C-alpha atoms as a PDB file:
ATOM      1  CA  MET A   1      57.532 191.705 100.552  1.00  0.00           C
ATOM      2  CA  THR A   2      58.438 187.977 100.756  1.00  0.00           C
ATOM      3  CA  VAL A   3      56.006 185.124  99.712  1.00  0.00           C
ATOM      4  CA  ALA A   4      55.912 184.026 103.242  1.00  0.00           C
ATOM      5  CA  ALA A   5      55.009 187.526 104.580  1.00  0.00           C
ATOM      6  CA  THR A   6      52.362 188.032 101.888  1.00  0.00           C
ATOM      7  CA  LEU A   7      50.659 184.790 102.733  1.00  0.00           C
ATOM      8  CA  ALA A   8      50.803 185.325 106.363  1.00  0.00           C
ATOM      9  CA  MET A   9      48.624 188.418 105.835  1.00  0.00           C
ATOM     10  CA  ALA A  10      46.092 186.578 103.697  1.00  0.00           C
ATOM     11  CA  VAL A  11      42.657 185.706 104.993  1.00  0.00           C
ATOM     12  CA  VAL A  12      41.918 182.062 104.485  1.00  0.00           C
ATOM     13  CA  THR A  13      38.478 181.046 103.329  1.00  0.00           C
ATOM     14  CA  THR A  14      36.843 177.632 103.983  1.00  0.00           C
ATOM     15  CA  LEU A  15      36.917 174.833 101.516  1.00  0.00           C
ATOM     16  CA  PRO A  16      33.517 173.727 100.401  1.00  0.00           C
ATOM     17  CA  ALA A  17      31.759 171.306 102.807  1.00  0.00           C
ATOM     18  CA  THR A  18      32.145 167.620 102.106  1.00  0.00           C
ATOM     19  CA  PRO A  19      29.675 166.551  99.384  1.00  0.00           C
ATOM     20  CA  THR A  20      27.709 163.403  99.237  1.00  0.00           C
ATOM     21  CA  ALA A  21      29.746 160.188  99.281  1.00  0.00           C
ATOM     22  CA  GLY A  22      31.282 159.322  95.930  1.00  0.00           C
ATOM     23  CA  ALA A  23      31.041 162.829  94.420  1.00  0.00           C
ATOM     24  CA  GLU A  24      34.167 164.183  92.601  1.00  0.00           C
ATOM     25  CA  PRO A  25      35.213 167.840  92.643  1.00  0.00           C
ATOM     26  CA  PRO A  26      34.773 169.987  89.546  1.00  0.00           C
ATOM     27  CA  VAL A  27      37.656 170.364  87.154  1.00  0.00           C
ATOM     28  CA  GLY A  28      38.101 173.646  85.299  1.00  0.00           C
ATOM     29  CA  ALA A  29      36.960 173.474  81.777  1.00  0.00           C
ATOM     30  CA  ALA A  30      40.189 175.130  80.503  1.00  0.00           C
ATOM     31  CA  ALA A  31      42.341 172.530  82.215  1.00  0.00           C
ATOM     32  CA  ALA A  32      43.757 169.506  80.561  1.00  0.00           C
ATOM     33  CA  ALA A  33      43.355 166.056  82.166  1.00  0.00           C
ATOM     34  CA  PRO A  34      45.165 166.019  85.528  1.00  0.00           C
ATOM     35  CA  PRO A  35      48.404 164.138  85.698  1.00  0.00           C
ATOM     36  CA  ASP A  36      48.323 160.649  87.093  1.00  0.00           C
ATOM     37  CA  GLY A  37      50.929 159.367  89.536  1.00  0.00           C
ATOM     38  CA  PRO A  38      51.660 157.266  92.600  1.00  0.00           C
ATOM     39  CA  ALA A  39      49.230 158.962  95.064  1.00  0.00           C
ATOM     40  CA  ALA A  40      46.022 156.933  95.461  1.00  0.00           C
ATOM     41  CA  ALA A  41      44.211 160.151  96.537  1.00  0.00           C
ATOM     42  CA  TRP A  42      44.972 163.766  95.704  1.00  0.00           C
ATOM     43  CA  LEU A  43      43.511 167.185  95.516  1.00  0.00           C
ATOM     44  CA  VAL A  44      44.411 170.594  93.983  1.00  0.00           C
ATOM     45  CA  ALA A  45      42.532 173.673  95.365  1.00  0.00           C
ATOM     46  CA  ASP A  46      42.627 177.412  95.129  1.00  0.00           C
ATOM     47  CA  MET A  47      43.535 178.778  98.581  1.00  0.00           C
ATOM     48  CA  VAL A  48      41.853 182.068  98.122  1.00  0.00           C
ATOM     49  CA  THR A  49      38.468 181.059  96.750  1.00  0.00           C
ATOM     50  CA  GLY A  50      38.317 177.606  98.158  1.00  0.00           C
ATOM     51  CA  GLN A  51      37.501 176.090  94.754  1.00  0.00           C
ATOM     52  CA  ILE A  52      38.575 172.599  94.248  1.00  0.00           C
ATOM     53  CA  LEU A  53      40.096 172.435  90.806  1.00  0.00           C
ATOM     54  CA  GLY A  54      40.428 168.591  90.695  1.00  0.00           C
ATOM     55  CA  GLY A  55      41.036 165.497  92.647  1.00  0.00           C
ATOM     56  CA  LYS A  56      41.048 161.750  92.998  1.00  0.00           C
ATOM     57  CA  ASP A  57      39.158 160.364  95.976  1.00  0.00           C
ATOM     58  CA  PRO A  58      39.548 163.769  97.796  1.00  0.00           C
ATOM     59  CA  TYR A  59      37.121 162.746 100.510  1.00  0.00           C
ATOM     60  CA  GLY A  60      38.458 159.282 101.051  1.00  0.00           C
ATOM     61  CA  SER A  61      39.984 158.459 104.519  1.00  0.00           C
ATOM     62  CA  TYR A  62      43.676 157.703 104.784  1.00  0.00           C
ATOM     63  CA  ALA A  63      46.388 157.903 107.373  1.00  0.00           C
ATOM     64  CA  PRO A  64      48.034 161.321 107.172  1.00  0.00           C
ATOM     65  CA  ALA A  65      51.379 160.469 108.757  1.00  0.00           C
ATOM     66  CA  SER A  66      53.458 163.603 109.549  1.00  0.00           C
ATOM     67  CA  THR A  67      51.313 165.919 107.518  1.00  0.00           C
ATOM     68  CA  ILE A  68      49.102 166.025 110.660  1.00  0.00           C
ATOM     69  CA  LYS A  69      51.919 167.930 112.445  1.00  0.00           C
ATOM     70  CA  ALA A  70      50.409 171.190 110.996  1.00  0.00           C
ATOM     71  CA  LEU A  71      47.494 170.559 113.351  1.00  0.00           C
ATOM     72  CA  LEU A  72      49.780 170.231 116.354  1.00  0.00           C
ATOM     73  CA  ALA A  73      51.713 173.373 115.246  1.00  0.00           C
ATOM     74  CA  MET A  74      48.400 175.396 115.199  1.00  0.00           C
ATOM     75  CA  VAL A  75      47.445 174.257 118.708  1.00  0.00           C
ATOM     76  CA  VAL A  76      50.889 175.164 119.982  1.00  0.00           C
ATOM     77  CA  LEU A  77      50.685 178.611 118.367  1.00  0.00           C
ATOM     78  CA  ASP A  78      47.215 179.082 119.857  1.00  0.00           C
ATOM     79  CA  GLN A  79      48.272 178.288 123.393  1.00  0.00           C
ATOM     80  CA  ILE A  80      52.011 178.681 123.924  1.00  0.00           C
ATOM     81  CA  ASN A  81      54.271 181.715 123.564  1.00  0.00           C
ATOM     82  CA  PRO A  82      57.018 180.801 120.969  1.00  0.00           C
ATOM     83  CA  ASN A  83      59.649 182.080 123.478  1.00  0.00           C
ATOM     84  CA  ALA A  84      58.396 179.774 126.234  1.00  0.00           C
ATOM     85  CA  ALA A  85      61.053 177.192 127.129  1.00  0.00           C
ATOM     86  CA  ALA A  86      61.211 173.780 128.784  1.00  0.00           C
ATOM     87  CA  ARG A  87      63.858 171.026 129.208  1.00  0.00           C
ATOM     88  CA  ALA A  88      63.701 167.787 127.169  1.00  0.00           C
ATOM     89  CA  THR A  89      63.221 164.478 129.010  1.00  0.00           C
ATOM     90  CA  GLU A  90      64.241 160.943 128.229  1.00  0.00           C
ATOM     91  CA  ALA A  91      60.519 160.241 127.589  1.00  0.00           C
ATOM     92  CA  ASN A  92      60.483 162.833 124.862  1.00  0.00           C
ATOM     93  CA  THR A  93      63.230 161.059 122.963  1.00  0.00           C
ATOM     94  CA  ASP A  94      61.673 157.552 123.421  1.00  0.00           C
ATOM     95  CA  VAL A  95      60.009 157.582 119.950  1.00  0.00           C
ATOM     96  CA  GLU A  96      60.367 156.112 116.546  1.00  0.00           C
ATOM     97  CA  CYS A  97      62.308 158.508 114.318  1.00  0.00           C
ATOM     98  CA  SER A  98      62.470 160.694 112.222  1.00  0.00           C
ATOM     99  CA  CYS A  99      63.820 162.901 115.052  1.00  0.00           C
ATOM    100  CA  VAL A 100      65.400 166.313 115.331  1.00  0.00           C
ATOM    101  CA  GLY A 101      67.767 165.017 118.028  1.00  0.00           C
ATOM    102  CA  LEU A 102      66.547 166.317 121.365  1.00  0.00           C
ATOM    103  CA  VAL A 103      69.100 166.084 124.220  1.00  0.00           C
ATOM    104  CA  PRO A 104      67.552 165.235 127.616  1.00  0.00           C
ATOM    105  CA  GLY A 105      68.208 168.106 130.014  1.00  0.00           C
ATOM    106  CA  GLN A 106      68.678 170.705 127.178  1.00  0.00           C
ATOM    107  CA  ALA A 107      66.277 173.657 127.151  1.00  0.00           C
ATOM    108  CA  TYR A 108      64.376 174.397 123.992  1.00  0.00           C
ATOM    109  CA  THR A 109      61.915 177.128 123.143  1.00  0.00           C
ATOM    110  CA  ALA A 110      58.547 176.329 121.573  1.00  0.00           C
ATOM    111  CA  ARG A 111      59.906 178.196 118.437  1.00  0.00           C
ATOM    112  CA  GLN A 112      62.898 175.934 118.244  1.00  0.00           C
ATOM    113  CA  LEU A 113      60.719 172.843 118.586  1.00  0.00           C
ATOM    114  CA  LEU A 114      58.425 174.028 115.915  1.00  0.00           C
ATOM    115  CA  ASP A 115      61.368 174.402 113.549  1.00  0.00           C
ATOM    116  CA  GLY A 116      62.273 170.751 114.366  1.00  0.00           C
ATOM    117  CA  LEU A 117      58.666 169.666 114.061  1.00  0.00           C
ATOM    118  CA  LEU A 118      57.999 171.200 110.635  1.00  0.00           C
ATOM    119  CA  MET A 119      61.381 171.354 108.924  1.00  0.00           C
ATOM    120  CA  VAL A 120      62.742 167.780 109.772  1.00  0.00           C
ATOM    121  CA  SER A 121      59.533 166.149 110.955  1.00  0.00           C
ATOM    122  CA  GLY A 122      60.901 165.594 114.460  1.00  0.00           C
ATOM    123  CA  ASN A 123      58.750 163.077 116.348  1.00  0.00           C
ATOM    124  CA  ASP A 124      60.713 163.920 119.449  1.00  0.00           C
ATOM    125  CA  ALA A 125      59.864 167.600 119.034  1.00  0.00           C
ATOM    126  CA  ALA A 126      56.214 166.613 118.723  1.00  0.00           C
ATOM    127  CA  ASN A 127      56.396 164.639 121.977  1.00  0.00           C
ATOM    128  CA  MET A 128      57.981 167.613 123.795  1.00  0.00           C
ATOM    129  CA  LEU A 129      55.449 170.064 122.412  1.00  0.00           C
ATOM    130  CA  ALA A 130      52.659 167.743 123.562  1.00  0.00           C
ATOM    131  CA  ASP A 131      54.151 167.817 127.104  1.00  0.00           C
ATOM    132  CA  MET A 132      54.165 171.637 126.937  1.00  0.00           C
ATOM    133  CA  LEU A 133      50.457 171.515 126.032  1.00  0.00           C
ATOM    134  CA  GLY A 134      49.682 169.362 129.119  1.00  0.00           C
ATOM    135  CA  GLY A 135      50.630 165.847 128.073  1.00  0.00           C
ATOM    136  CA  TYR A 136      50.284 163.406 125.196  1.00  0.00           C
ATOM    137  CA  GLN A 137      46.524 162.698 125.499  1.00  0.00           C
ATOM    138  CA  THR A 138      45.703 166.322 126.314  1.00  0.00           C
ATOM    139  CA  ALA A 139      47.575 167.432 123.156  1.00  0.00           C
ATOM    140  CA  VAL A 140      45.791 164.905 120.976  1.00  0.00           C
ATOM    141  CA  ALA A 141      42.404 165.930 122.362  1.00  0.00           C
ATOM    142  CA  LYS A 142      43.264 169.614 121.646  1.00  0.00           C
ATOM    143  CA  MET A 143      44.385 168.692 118.138  1.00  0.00           C
ATOM    144  CA  ASN A 144      41.031 166.913 117.464  1.00  0.00           C
ATOM    145  CA  ALA A 145      39.070 169.911 118.879  1.00  0.00           C
ATOM    146  CA  LYS A 146      41.072 172.218 116.616  1.00  0.00           C
ATOM    147  CA  ALA A 147      40.305 170.089 113.556  1.00  0.00           C
ATOM    148  CA  TYR A 148      36.668 170.086 114.400  1.00  0.00           C
ATOM    149  CA  SER A 149      36.631 173.869 114.870  1.00  0.00           C
ATOM    150  CA  LEU A 150      38.123 174.227 111.406  1.00  0.00           C
ATOM    151  CA  GLY A 151      35.546 172.058 109.728  1.00  0.00           C
ATOM    152  CA  ALA A 152      37.871 169.133 109.270  1.00  0.00           C
ATOM    153  CA  ARG A 153      35.221 166.773 110.433  1.00  0.00           C
ATOM    154  CA  SER A 154      36.780 163.627 108.866  1.00  0.00           C
ATOM    155  CA  THR A 155      40.089 164.063 110.685  1.00  0.00           C
ATOM    156  CA  ARG A 156      41.088 162.285 113.862  1.00  0.00           C
ATOM    157  CA  ALA A 157      44.604 162.553 115.320  1.00  0.00           C
ATOM    158  CA  GLY A 158      45.775 159.514 117.160  1.00  0.00           C
ATOM    159  CA  SER A 159      49.152 160.887 118.177  1.00  0.00           C
ATOM    160  CA  PRO A 160      50.868 164.340 118.243  1.00  0.00           C
ATOM    161  CA  SER A 161      53.362 163.306 115.579  1.00  0.00           C
ATOM    162  CA  GLY A 162      51.288 161.274 113.078  1.00  0.00           C
ATOM    163  CA  LEU A 163      52.857 158.025 114.110  1.00  0.00           C
ATOM    164  CA  ASP A 164      50.217 155.309 114.074  1.00  0.00           C
ATOM    165  CA  GLY A 165      49.549 151.788 115.214  1.00  0.00           C
ATOM    166  CA  PRO A 166      46.645 149.469 116.202  1.00  0.00           C
ATOM    167  CA  GLY A 167      44.185 151.348 118.271  1.00  0.00           C
ATOM    168  CA  TRP A 168      45.829 154.815 117.824  1.00  0.00           C
ATOM    169  CA  GLU A 169      45.572 155.357 114.120  1.00  0.00           C
ATOM    170  CA  SER A 170      45.228 158.857 112.753  1.00  0.00           C
ATOM    171  CA  VAL A 171      42.937 159.546 109.853  1.00  0.00           C
ATOM    172  CA  SER A 172      42.175 162.401 107.468  1.00  0.00           C
ATOM    173  CA  THR A 173      41.260 163.110 103.885  1.00  0.00           C
ATOM    174  CA  PRO A 174      42.899 165.297 101.195  1.00  0.00           C
ATOM    175  CA  HIS A 175      40.027 167.718 101.545  1.00  0.00           C
ATOM    176  CA  ASP A 176      40.632 168.098 105.302  1.00  0.00           C
ATOM    177  CA  LEU A 177      44.368 168.418 104.970  1.00  0.00           C
ATOM    178  CA  ALA A 178      43.917 171.157 102.399  1.00  0.00           C
ATOM    179  CA  LEU A 179      41.578 172.973 104.684  1.00  0.00           C
ATOM    180  CA  MET A 180      43.929 172.677 107.635  1.00  0.00           C
ATOM    181  CA  TYR A 181      46.958 173.850 105.825  1.00  0.00           C
ATOM    182  CA  ARG A 182      45.120 176.840 104.361  1.00  0.00           C
ATOM    183  CA  ALA A 183      44.062 177.717 107.896  1.00  0.00           C
ATOM    184  CA  ALA A 184      47.663 177.261 109.145  1.00  0.00           C
ATOM    185  CA  LEU A 185      48.837 180.006 106.821  1.00  0.00           C
ATOM    186  CA  ASN A 186      46.993 182.487 109.027  1.00  0.00           C
ATOM    187  CA  TYR A 187      49.812 181.904 111.573  1.00  0.00           C
ATOM    188  CA  PRO A 188      52.736 184.099 110.453  1.00  0.00           C
ATOM    189  CA  LEU A 189      55.270 181.971 112.270  1.00  0.00           C
ATOM    190  CA  PHE A 190      54.039 178.790 110.687  1.00  0.00           C
ATOM    191  CA  THR A 191      54.361 180.357 107.248  1.00  0.00           C
ATOM    192  CA  GLN A 192      57.840 181.580 108.102  1.00  0.00           C
ATOM    193  CA  ILE A 193      59.011 178.137 109.304  1.00  0.00           C
ATOM    194  CA  ILE A 194      57.708 176.186 106.328  1.00  0.00           C
ATOM    195  CA  HIS A 195      59.285 178.718 103.921  1.00  0.00           C
ATOM    196  CA  GLN A 196      62.748 178.688 105.484  1.00  0.00           C
ATOM    197  CA  THR A 197      65.437 176.362 104.172  1.00  0.00           C
ATOM    198  CA  SER A 198      67.502 176.164 107.285  1.00  0.00           C
ATOM    199  CA  ALA A 199      67.509 177.109 110.953  1.00  0.00           C
ATOM    200  CA  LEU A 200      69.818 176.808 113.969  1.00  0.00           C
ATOM    201  CA  PHE A 201      68.925 174.282 116.703  1.00  0.00           C
ATOM    202  CA  PRO A 202      70.492 173.399 120.120  1.00  0.00           C
ATOM    203  CA  ASP A 203      72.380 170.134 120.196  1.00  0.00           C
ATOM    204  CA  GLY A 204      73.511 170.089 123.809  1.00  0.00           C
ATOM    205  CA  ASN A 205      76.985 171.579 122.994  1.00  0.00           C
ATOM    206  CA  GLY A 206      75.966 174.606 120.974  1.00  0.00           C
ATOM    207  CA  LEU A 207      73.941 174.951 117.814  1.00  0.00           C
ATOM    208  CA  LYS A 208      73.498 172.773 114.774  1.00  0.00           C
ATOM    209  CA  GLU A 209      71.898 173.642 111.487  1.00  0.00           C
ATOM    210  CA  LEU A 210      68.614 172.055 110.443  1.00  0.00           C
ATOM    211  CA  THR A 211      67.853 171.780 106.768  1.00  0.00           C
ATOM    212  CA  SER A 212      64.351 171.520 105.470  1.00  0.00           C
ATOM    213  CA  ARG A 213      63.498 168.157 104.071  1.00  0.00           C
ATOM    214  CA  ASP A 214      60.786 169.505 101.723  1.00  0.00           C
ATOM    215  CA  PRO A 215      62.145 168.637  98.251  1.00  0.00           C
ATOM    216  CA  LEU A 216      60.157 171.352  96.412  1.00  0.00           C
ATOM    217  CA  LEU A 217      61.243 174.200  98.611  1.00  0.00           C
ATOM    218  CA  ARG A 218      64.380 175.048  96.604  1.00  0.00           C
ATOM    219  CA  GLY A 219      63.299 174.290  93.091  1.00  0.00           C
ATOM    220  CA  TYR A 220      59.629 175.082  92.408  1.00  0.00           C
ATOM    221  CA  PRO A 221      58.890 178.695  91.285  1.00  0.00           C
ATOM    222  CA  GLY A 222      56.671 180.407  93.831  1.00  0.00           C
ATOM    223  CA  TYR A 223      56.725 177.574  96.250  1.00  0.00           C
ATOM    224  CA  ILE A 224      55.616 178.575  99.769  1.00  0.00           C
ATOM    225  CA  GLY A 225      56.210 175.333 101.728  1.00  0.00           C
ATOM    226  CA  GLY A 226      54.601 172.257 102.902  1.00  0.00           C
ATOM    227  CA  LYS A 227      55.072 168.947 104.743  1.00  0.00           C
ATOM    228  CA  THR A 228      56.008 165.320 103.859  1.00  0.00           C
ATOM    229  CA  GLY A 229      55.027 162.258 105.746  1.00  0.00           C
ATOM    230  CA  TYR A 230      55.502 158.478 105.864  1.00  0.00           C
ATOM    231  CA  THR A 231      54.391 155.532 107.925  1.00  0.00           C
ATOM    232  CA  ASN A 232      53.767 151.955 106.896  1.00  0.00           C
ATOM    233  CA  LEU A 233      50.019 152.547 107.233  1.00  0.00           C
ATOM    234  CA  ALA A 234      49.989 155.923 105.462  1.00  0.00           C
ATOM    235  CA  GLN A 235      52.689 155.262 102.899  1.00  0.00           C
ATOM    236  CA  GLU A 236      53.988 158.511 101.320  1.00  0.00           C
ATOM    237  CA  THR A 237      51.927 161.655 102.018  1.00  0.00           C
ATOM    238  CA  TYR A 238      52.471 165.246 101.071  1.00  0.00           C
ATOM    239  CA  VAL A 239      50.910 168.733 101.423  1.00  0.00           C
ATOM    240  CA  GLY A 240      52.414 171.675  99.541  1.00  0.00           C
ATOM    241  CA  MET A 241      51.444 175.280  98.677  1.00  0.00           C
ATOM    242  CA  ALA A 242      52.596 177.575  95.927  1.00  0.00           C
ATOM    243  CA  GLN A 243      51.847 181.003  94.575  1.00  0.00           C
ATOM    244  CA  ARG A 244      52.174 182.173  90.840  1.00  0.00           C
ATOM    245  CA  GLY A 245      50.569 184.895  88.793  1.00  0.00           C
ATOM    246  CA  GLY A 246      48.415 186.130  91.703  1.00  0.00           C
ATOM    247  CA  HIS A 247      46.988 182.675  92.367  1.00  0.00           C
ATOM    248  CA  ARG A 248      47.718 180.379  95.243  1.00  0.00           C
ATOM    249  CA  LEU A 249      47.268 176.625  95.197  1.00  0.00           C
ATOM    250  CA  VAL A 250      47.360 173.840  97.661  1.00  0.00           C
ATOM    251  CA  VAL A 251      48.207 170.295  96.608  1.00  0.00           C
ATOM    252  CA  VAL A 252      47.562 167.273  98.749  1.00  0.00           C
ATOM    253  CA  GLN A 253      48.674 163.724  98.067  1.00  0.00           C
ATOM    254  CA  MET A 254      47.908 160.716 100.147  1.00  0.00           C
ATOM    255  CA  TYR A 255      48.836 156.972 100.083  1.00  0.00           C
ATOM    256  CA  GLY A 256      51.589 157.201  97.584  1.00  0.00           C
ATOM    257  CA  SER A 257      53.411 154.058  96.547  1.00  0.00           C
ATOM    258  CA  ASP A 258      56.537 155.950  95.435  1.00  0.00           C
ATOM    259  CA  ASP A 259      58.121 159.378  96.022  1.00  0.00           C
ATOM    260  CA  LEU A 260      55.461 162.047  95.179  1.00  0.00           C
ATOM    261  CA  TRP A 261      57.525 164.970  94.029  1.00  0.00           C
ATOM    262  CA  ASP A 262      57.213 164.545  90.206  1.00  0.00           C
ATOM    263  CA  GLN A 263      53.477 164.203  90.560  1.00  0.00           C
ATOM    264  CA  GLY A 264      53.309 167.110  93.047  1.00  0.00           C
ATOM    265  CA  ARG A 265      55.113 169.395  90.556  1.00  0.00           C
ATOM    266  CA  ALA A 266      52.851 168.198  87.739  1.00  0.00           C
ATOM    267  CA  LEU A 267      49.690 168.818  89.806  1.00  0.00           C
ATOM    268  CA  PHE A 268      50.895 172.375  90.611  1.00  0.00           C
ATOM    269  CA  ASP A 269      51.613 173.070  86.929  1.00  0.00           C
ATOM    270  CA  TRP A 270      48.305 171.628  85.959  1.00  0.00           C
ATOM    271  CA  GLY A 271      46.494 173.758  88.622  1.00  0.00           C
ATOM    272  CA  PHE A 272      48.176 176.928  87.541  1.00  0.00           C
ATOM    273  CA  ARG A 273      47.350 176.233  83.773  1.00  0.00           C
ATOM    274  CA  HIS A 274      43.715 176.280  84.937  1.00  0.00           C
ATOM    275  CA  TYR A 275      43.964 180.012  85.044  1.00  0.00           C
ATOM    276  CA  GLY A 276      45.242 180.369  81.476  1.00  0.00           C
END
């Protein structure tokens, strides 16, 4: 059975509730000091037990950028058949990119849009999925209701895509993002999409190949998948999940000043060493 299929069958538990302000999560006694890096805030947690193995400001509020797209994906999977289709509009494409390249008038299924949303962080795909949910504001309201229902009480989506600006900022915490991504693994299609390296996507004349932008997907042993993000407000953000030796970990990094992949790999390695 593939890693994706195994995780899609897993029952996700809830991360511990937010502690009092200023408290830091416990670090396993067997683990060495966690690796430092460019992320101002980070967290490593066990996805099965919910134990937080270590973190730096894991309950601090930061802009999530495109890592919030997992929340939109869950709402879509709750409410829309993946085979449901609609036609893209000019309004869907009127957005700051990154974009998957929607063609106005072209029909897309929700599944194809989710590929574009999660694999290449398509902000145009986010806009179209929001329309399929009832419109931009309706989609944002549904995302915030979903976050609340999952216990991510420090999260507020300001847009379907994670784009932000004055008066429509999104906010989350490493703790909340870990909780949301662990919940998202209960959706088999979400798990399949973040684990795939490529997919075919309509381009108005046929099909083009999408290639996942997740830099750890091809090189980290036991890697399941994740999501990157960037805006000027958020800086670099990242959520990733991996499985090794019967253990599954989630790593969250927020407000990175540089690329986060070396630190992300090191945090996974540090987390897995916790188990000896």
